[in-house]
Protein backbone atom coordinates (compact mmCIF):
# COMPACT_ATOMS: atom_id res chain seq x y z
CA MET A 1 74.29 16.68 -218.21
CA GLU A 2 71.11 15.27 -219.73
CA LYS A 3 69.94 16.51 -223.11
CA LEU A 4 66.39 15.34 -223.67
CA VAL A 5 64.99 14.90 -227.17
CA LEU A 6 61.67 13.52 -228.37
CA VAL A 7 61.86 10.32 -230.43
CA ARG A 8 59.06 8.52 -232.26
CA LEU A 9 59.63 4.77 -232.09
CA ARG A 10 59.56 2.78 -235.31
CA ASP A 11 57.47 4.16 -238.16
CA THR A 12 54.28 5.23 -236.39
CA GLY A 13 54.85 4.25 -232.79
CA GLN A 14 54.63 6.25 -229.59
CA MET A 15 56.90 9.18 -228.74
CA PHE A 16 59.19 9.12 -225.71
CA PRO A 17 61.89 11.43 -224.32
CA TYR A 18 65.44 10.08 -224.63
CA ASN A 19 68.77 11.23 -223.32
CA ALA A 20 71.11 12.36 -226.12
CA ALA A 21 73.97 13.70 -223.99
CA ASP A 22 76.66 11.56 -225.68
CA VAL A 23 75.38 11.90 -229.26
CA GLU A 24 75.19 14.95 -231.52
CA ILE A 25 71.96 14.66 -233.44
CA ARG A 26 69.62 16.83 -235.48
CA GLU A 27 65.92 16.88 -235.91
CA GLY A 28 64.78 14.19 -238.36
CA ASN A 29 67.73 11.83 -237.80
CA CYS A 30 67.06 8.11 -237.54
CA VAL A 31 68.57 6.78 -234.31
CA ILE A 32 69.02 3.49 -232.48
CA VAL A 33 67.69 3.64 -228.91
CA GLU A 34 67.32 1.43 -225.86
CA HIS A 35 63.82 0.10 -225.39
CA ASP A 36 61.96 -2.77 -223.74
CA ARG A 37 64.10 -5.92 -223.83
CA GLY A 38 66.54 -4.75 -226.45
CA LEU A 39 67.29 -2.15 -229.11
CA ASP A 40 64.84 -0.37 -231.32
CA TYR A 41 64.88 2.38 -233.94
CA GLY A 42 63.10 5.68 -234.19
CA GLN A 43 63.16 9.19 -235.60
CA VAL A 44 63.97 12.40 -233.74
CA VAL A 45 60.84 14.54 -233.75
CA SER A 46 62.00 17.44 -231.58
CA LEU A 47 65.26 18.53 -229.95
CA HIS A 48 63.40 19.68 -226.84
CA ALA A 49 61.46 17.29 -224.61
CA VAL A 50 59.97 17.51 -221.14
CA PRO A 51 60.21 14.45 -218.87
CA GLU A 52 56.96 12.94 -217.65
CA ALA A 53 55.97 13.93 -214.11
CA ASN A 54 54.98 10.42 -212.95
CA ALA A 55 57.49 8.41 -214.95
CA LYS A 56 57.91 4.92 -213.47
CA GLN A 57 61.07 4.07 -215.42
CA PRO A 58 64.25 6.12 -215.84
CA ILE A 59 64.87 7.91 -219.12
CA LYS A 60 66.81 5.70 -221.51
CA LYS A 61 69.65 6.71 -223.81
CA ILE A 62 70.17 7.04 -227.52
CA VAL A 63 72.79 4.48 -228.49
CA ARG A 64 73.88 5.93 -231.86
CA ILE A 65 72.75 7.51 -235.07
CA ALA A 66 71.57 4.88 -237.55
CA GLY A 67 74.26 4.03 -240.12
CA GLU A 68 74.02 2.39 -243.51
CA ASN A 69 73.89 -1.13 -242.08
CA ASP A 70 71.20 -0.08 -239.62
CA LEU A 71 69.08 1.49 -242.34
CA LYS A 72 69.44 -1.62 -244.47
CA ARG A 73 68.28 -3.79 -241.60
CA ILE A 74 65.28 -1.53 -241.03
CA GLU A 75 64.24 -1.97 -244.65
CA GLU A 76 64.54 -5.75 -244.31
CA ASN A 77 62.31 -5.64 -241.25
CA ARG A 78 59.69 -3.69 -243.18
CA THR A 79 59.66 -6.43 -245.83
CA LYS A 80 59.22 -9.08 -243.14
CA CYS A 81 56.30 -7.11 -241.71
CA LYS A 82 54.28 -7.64 -244.90
CA GLU A 83 54.82 -11.41 -244.73
CA ALA A 84 53.93 -11.48 -241.03
CA ALA A 85 50.76 -9.48 -241.69
CA SER A 86 49.53 -11.95 -244.33
CA SER A 87 50.15 -14.88 -241.97
CA CYS A 88 48.28 -13.12 -239.17
CA VAL A 89 45.27 -12.40 -241.40
CA LYS A 90 45.00 -16.11 -242.31
CA LYS A 91 45.08 -17.13 -238.65
CA ILE A 92 42.41 -14.56 -237.80
CA GLU A 93 40.14 -16.09 -240.43
CA GLU A 94 40.82 -19.59 -239.13
CA HIS A 95 39.85 -18.63 -235.57
CA LYS A 96 36.88 -16.58 -236.89
CA LEU A 97 37.73 -13.56 -234.77
CA ASP A 98 35.85 -10.30 -235.24
CA MET A 99 38.93 -8.09 -235.61
CA LYS A 100 40.69 -6.13 -238.34
CA LEU A 101 44.48 -6.11 -238.68
CA VAL A 102 45.74 -2.57 -239.28
CA HIS A 103 49.53 -2.52 -239.00
CA THR A 104 52.51 -4.75 -238.21
CA GLU A 105 55.92 -3.74 -236.84
CA TYR A 106 59.18 -5.57 -236.16
CA SER A 107 61.57 -4.38 -233.49
CA PHE A 108 65.08 -3.43 -234.63
CA ASP A 109 66.72 -6.60 -233.26
CA CYS A 110 63.85 -8.81 -234.50
CA THR A 111 62.99 -10.05 -231.03
CA LYS A 112 59.38 -8.85 -231.06
CA ILE A 113 56.49 -8.37 -233.50
CA VAL A 114 53.65 -5.96 -232.72
CA PHE A 115 50.29 -6.48 -234.42
CA TYR A 116 47.85 -3.54 -234.28
CA PHE A 117 44.16 -4.29 -234.80
CA THR A 118 40.74 -2.69 -234.38
CA ALA A 119 37.57 -4.32 -233.07
CA ASP A 120 34.14 -3.23 -231.90
CA GLY A 121 34.49 -4.92 -228.53
CA ARG A 122 36.81 -7.09 -226.53
CA VAL A 123 38.42 -10.01 -228.37
CA ASP A 124 39.81 -13.20 -226.87
CA PHE A 125 42.95 -13.74 -228.97
CA ARG A 126 44.91 -16.08 -226.68
CA ASN A 127 44.78 -19.00 -229.10
CA LEU A 128 45.81 -16.66 -231.93
CA VAL A 129 48.90 -15.58 -230.00
CA LYS A 130 49.89 -19.20 -229.42
CA ASP A 131 49.66 -20.01 -233.13
CA LEU A 132 51.67 -16.92 -234.12
CA ALA A 133 54.35 -17.71 -231.54
CA LYS A 134 54.74 -21.20 -233.06
CA ILE A 135 55.15 -19.71 -236.53
CA PHE A 136 57.61 -16.87 -235.81
CA LYS A 137 59.21 -18.25 -232.60
CA ILE A 138 59.69 -14.76 -231.14
CA ARG A 139 57.73 -12.54 -228.75
CA ILE A 140 54.22 -11.70 -230.07
CA GLU A 141 52.28 -8.63 -228.98
CA LEU A 142 48.71 -7.84 -230.11
CA ARG A 143 47.56 -4.30 -229.39
CA GLN A 144 44.00 -3.10 -229.87
CA ILE A 145 43.68 0.50 -231.10
CA GLY A 146 40.86 2.89 -231.97
CA VAL A 147 39.79 4.50 -235.20
CA ARG A 148 41.90 7.58 -234.45
CA ASP A 149 45.03 5.47 -234.15
CA GLU A 150 44.12 3.80 -237.42
CA ALA A 151 43.99 7.19 -239.15
CA LYS A 152 47.32 8.02 -237.52
CA PHE A 153 48.94 4.91 -239.05
CA PHE A 154 47.72 5.56 -242.58
CA GLY A 155 48.01 9.38 -242.51
CA GLY A 156 46.31 11.72 -244.94
CA PHE A 157 45.08 15.28 -245.29
CA GLY A 158 42.31 16.98 -243.37
CA PRO A 159 39.54 19.33 -244.56
CA CYS A 160 41.90 22.28 -244.00
CA GLY A 161 44.30 20.95 -246.65
CA ARG A 162 47.12 20.22 -244.20
CA GLU A 163 48.53 16.91 -243.02
CA LEU A 164 46.54 15.22 -240.29
CA CYS A 165 47.36 16.50 -236.80
CA CYS A 166 47.51 12.96 -235.40
CA ALA A 167 50.05 11.90 -238.03
CA SER A 168 52.22 15.02 -237.77
CA PHE A 169 52.61 16.33 -234.21
CA LEU A 170 49.89 15.14 -231.80
CA LYS A 171 51.34 12.86 -229.14
CA ASP A 172 48.23 11.74 -227.24
CA PHE A 173 44.54 11.74 -228.05
CA GLU A 174 42.47 13.82 -225.66
CA PRO A 175 38.66 13.66 -225.47
CA VAL A 176 36.76 16.02 -227.79
CA THR A 177 33.14 16.97 -226.97
CA ILE A 178 30.33 18.61 -228.90
CA LYS A 179 30.46 21.50 -226.40
CA MET A 180 33.73 22.64 -227.99
CA ALA A 181 32.07 22.92 -231.39
CA LYS A 182 29.21 24.94 -229.86
CA GLU A 183 31.66 27.31 -228.18
CA GLU A 184 33.38 27.99 -231.50
CA GLY A 185 30.07 28.63 -233.25
CA LEU A 186 30.45 25.78 -235.75
CA PRO A 187 27.43 24.15 -237.42
CA LEU A 188 26.47 20.96 -235.58
CA ASN A 189 26.64 18.90 -238.75
CA PRO A 190 28.69 15.68 -238.31
CA PRO A 191 30.35 15.76 -241.76
CA LYS A 192 31.44 19.36 -241.16
CA ILE A 193 33.09 18.83 -237.76
CA SER A 194 34.37 15.25 -238.14
CA GLY A 195 37.72 14.05 -239.45
CA ILE A 196 38.50 11.17 -241.77
CA CYS A 197 38.36 8.81 -238.77
CA GLY A 198 34.67 9.61 -238.25
CA ARG A 199 35.25 11.25 -234.86
CA LEU A 200 35.20 14.94 -233.93
CA MET A 201 38.25 16.77 -235.25
CA CYS A 202 41.18 16.91 -232.82
CA CYS A 203 41.80 20.58 -233.61
CA LEU A 204 38.60 21.47 -231.71
CA ASN A 205 40.36 20.47 -228.50
CA TYR A 206 43.38 22.74 -228.59
CA GLU A 207 41.40 25.62 -230.10
CA TYR A 208 38.79 25.48 -227.34
CA ASP A 209 40.86 27.32 -224.71
CA THR A 210 41.55 30.19 -227.11
CA TYR A 211 37.89 30.63 -228.01
CA LYS A 212 36.89 30.42 -224.35
CA SER A 213 39.32 33.17 -223.29
CA LEU A 214 38.42 35.48 -226.19
CA SER A 215 34.66 35.12 -225.65
CA LYS A 216 34.77 36.34 -222.05
CA GLY A 217 32.57 39.41 -221.62
CA LEU A 218 30.90 38.99 -225.02
CA PRO A 219 27.12 38.53 -225.33
CA ARG A 220 25.67 35.48 -227.01
CA GLU A 221 23.68 35.43 -230.20
CA GLY A 222 19.98 35.95 -229.54
CA GLU A 223 20.59 37.78 -226.26
CA ARG A 224 18.78 41.08 -225.65
CA ILE A 225 20.98 43.87 -224.28
CA HIS A 226 20.88 47.58 -223.51
CA ILE A 227 23.27 49.94 -225.29
CA ALA A 228 23.50 53.72 -225.62
CA GLN A 229 21.08 53.72 -228.56
CA GLY A 230 18.46 51.66 -226.70
CA LYS A 231 17.39 48.03 -226.53
CA GLY A 232 18.47 45.51 -229.12
CA LYS A 233 19.04 41.85 -229.99
CA VAL A 234 22.47 40.38 -230.71
CA ILE A 235 22.43 38.82 -234.18
CA ASN A 236 26.17 38.20 -234.73
CA VAL A 237 29.31 37.90 -232.58
CA ASN A 238 32.90 38.03 -233.89
CA VAL A 239 35.13 36.40 -231.28
CA PHE A 240 38.47 37.40 -232.82
CA LYS A 241 37.55 41.06 -233.35
CA ARG A 242 35.54 41.05 -230.09
CA THR A 243 32.63 42.81 -231.73
CA ALA A 244 28.88 42.19 -231.67
CA THR A 245 26.21 43.26 -234.15
CA VAL A 246 23.00 44.41 -232.47
CA GLU A 247 19.66 44.84 -234.22
CA MET A 248 17.64 47.65 -232.64
CA GLU A 249 13.87 47.65 -232.19
CA ASP A 250 13.45 50.00 -235.18
CA GLY A 251 15.33 47.55 -237.47
CA THR A 252 18.69 49.35 -237.62
CA GLN A 253 21.91 47.45 -236.94
CA THR A 254 24.78 48.68 -234.76
CA GLU A 255 28.22 47.16 -234.26
CA ILE A 256 29.53 47.26 -230.69
CA ASN A 257 33.28 47.02 -230.07
CA TYR A 258 34.17 45.25 -226.81
CA ASN A 259 37.90 46.04 -227.02
CA LYS A 260 37.53 49.63 -225.77
CA ASP A 261 35.30 50.59 -222.89
CA GLU A 262 34.54 54.02 -224.27
CA GLN A 263 32.93 52.46 -227.35
CA ARG A 264 30.71 50.17 -225.29
CA THR A 265 28.67 52.69 -223.36
CA ALA A 266 25.49 51.13 -222.05
CA LYS A 267 22.20 52.76 -221.14
CA PRO A 268 21.55 53.04 -217.39
CA PRO A 269 19.04 50.52 -216.06
CA GLU A 270 15.41 51.49 -215.82
CA PRO A 271 13.84 51.98 -212.37
CA ARG A 272 12.65 48.73 -210.91
CA ILE A 273 8.92 48.31 -210.29
CA PRO A 274 8.17 46.57 -206.98
CA GLY A 275 6.64 43.15 -207.48
CA VAL A 276 7.71 42.87 -211.14
CA THR A 277 10.59 40.58 -212.05
CA GLU A 278 12.38 40.99 -215.37
CA SER A 279 13.85 37.86 -216.94
CA ARG A 280 15.83 39.54 -219.71
CA SER A 281 19.63 39.79 -219.49
CA ILE A 282 21.10 43.28 -219.80
CA GLY A 283 24.61 44.17 -220.88
CA SER A 284 27.77 42.50 -219.73
CA PRO A 285 28.08 40.04 -216.83
CA GLU A 286 29.63 42.77 -214.65
CA ARG A 287 26.59 44.98 -215.12
CA ARG A 288 24.15 42.16 -214.41
CA ASN A 289 26.02 41.31 -211.21
CA ALA A 290 25.89 44.95 -210.09
CA GLU A 291 22.15 45.16 -210.70
CA ALA A 292 21.56 41.91 -208.82
CA GLN A 293 23.57 43.25 -205.87
CA GLU A 294 21.52 46.47 -205.90
CA ARG A 295 18.27 44.50 -205.83
CA ARG A 296 19.49 42.45 -202.87
CA GLU A 297 20.42 45.60 -200.95
CA ASN A 298 16.99 47.14 -201.61
CA ARG A 299 15.22 44.04 -200.33
CA ALA A 300 17.41 44.03 -197.22
CA LYS A 301 16.51 47.68 -196.53
CA GLU A 302 12.79 46.92 -196.90
CA ARG A 303 13.06 44.16 -194.29
CA LYS A 304 14.91 46.38 -191.80
CA GLU A 305 12.53 49.39 -192.04
CA PRO A 306 9.65 49.10 -189.44
CA ARG A 307 6.15 49.31 -190.77
CA SER A 308 4.43 52.56 -189.65
CA GLN A 309 0.97 52.00 -188.12
CA GLU A 310 -1.51 54.79 -187.27
CA HIS A 311 -3.01 54.62 -183.75
CA PRO A 312 -5.63 56.87 -182.22
CA PRO A 313 -4.28 59.50 -179.81
CA ALA A 314 -3.84 57.86 -176.43
CA SER A 315 -5.56 59.64 -173.49
CA ARG A 316 -4.34 59.62 -169.96
CA GLY A 317 -5.06 56.32 -168.34
CA ASN A 318 -6.00 54.70 -171.59
CA SER A 319 -2.79 53.39 -173.11
CA PRO A 320 -3.11 51.32 -176.30
CA GLN A 321 -2.35 47.64 -175.98
CA PRO A 322 -0.48 45.80 -178.70
CA PRO A 323 -2.54 43.18 -180.50
CA GLY A 324 -2.41 39.68 -179.09
CA ARG A 325 -1.05 40.81 -175.69
CA ARG A 326 -3.07 40.39 -172.49
CA ASN A 327 -3.10 42.80 -169.55
CA ARG A 328 -1.04 41.56 -166.67
CA GLY A 329 -3.13 43.39 -164.04
CA GLY A 330 -6.36 41.59 -164.81
CA ASN A 331 -9.06 41.46 -167.40
CA GLU A 332 -9.16 45.18 -167.90
CA ASN A 333 -9.67 45.09 -171.65
CA ARG A 334 -12.49 42.59 -171.46
CA HIS A 335 -14.58 43.81 -168.48
CA GLY A 336 -14.15 47.56 -168.44
CA ARG A 337 -11.53 50.01 -167.31
CA GLY A 338 -10.36 49.77 -163.69
CA GLN A 339 -13.12 47.31 -162.67
CA GLU A 340 -12.56 43.82 -161.36
CA ARG A 341 -14.81 40.94 -162.13
CA ARG A 342 -16.76 39.83 -159.08
CA ASN A 343 -17.45 36.25 -158.32
CA PRO A 344 -21.23 35.73 -158.14
CA LYS A 345 -20.60 33.01 -155.59
CA GLY A 346 -18.40 35.16 -153.41
CA PRO A 347 -18.45 35.43 -149.60
CA ASP A 348 -21.33 38.00 -149.68
CA ASN A 349 -23.59 35.64 -151.61
CA ARG A 350 -23.04 32.48 -149.64
CA GLY A 351 -26.22 30.75 -148.82
CA LYS A 352 -28.34 33.07 -150.87
CA ARG A 353 -30.31 31.55 -153.60
């Protein structure tokens, strides 16, 4: 039976699920695992892992828990990484490449070196790879990363005083937008909402869903609403307490609790004046939808009701004709009642001049 655990490769590499069915391990243990083209080392981050839905390769196994000899070899590889980094920096200067070397890692069996670098754009480093392969005579891999990955390698502490999320538990970087900061009511000041990497803080992303669910049914600041005391303007909204502070027209302030319906009694809407459209928003979304539905029904009734027109009392033989409709029996409306128009050149007038 498979027992999946989450392992972070090398010191600050990616995290992958591994099968630990044959090994008894604990969280935080250093283990030797199977990886691309050989063995590698890593640290157990979590004892519970979920396999990827669209995984192209089968889940690999944990070979063993790292022993004393394995730990000693890992330390030797870390020393070699510093020497490899200095050699790589010299070659970058020789080729005059616009790139910055951030981190270097050796695989456990010393069959591969990974160089992590940052750059503003795309860099053609093919000649650099050839020179490094001649020096180290092993597989060379250059991997371009972003500023967030750079902060993840070096680590640090955020404005909250805790360890950086990217260096502690975040597995992947998801996009963070300014809309998330607006939803949480944060000041749109870059130094206030940015991390040490210069990008928007990652915590805005996984806090966004919570703020979005809690703010449902709450008015926004600056919105004018109707409550039991009258009309007012929302000046403050507390998402966690689900309360809103409303300033009335007379200057008094009232706190409305949106957790209990009995404390959020709203004033009934005023009668609508035909031909006048009000652009203000009233109350909760449910109430606005109900009022819109009522207005649509009233307009539909007005269309269906026939317009009453006053006609003079119709006498016998003189029935009113609808406008725009001609008499089928002749030109009765134009030339008198019950009289036909005679042709002046009829049979009686032939030959008469």
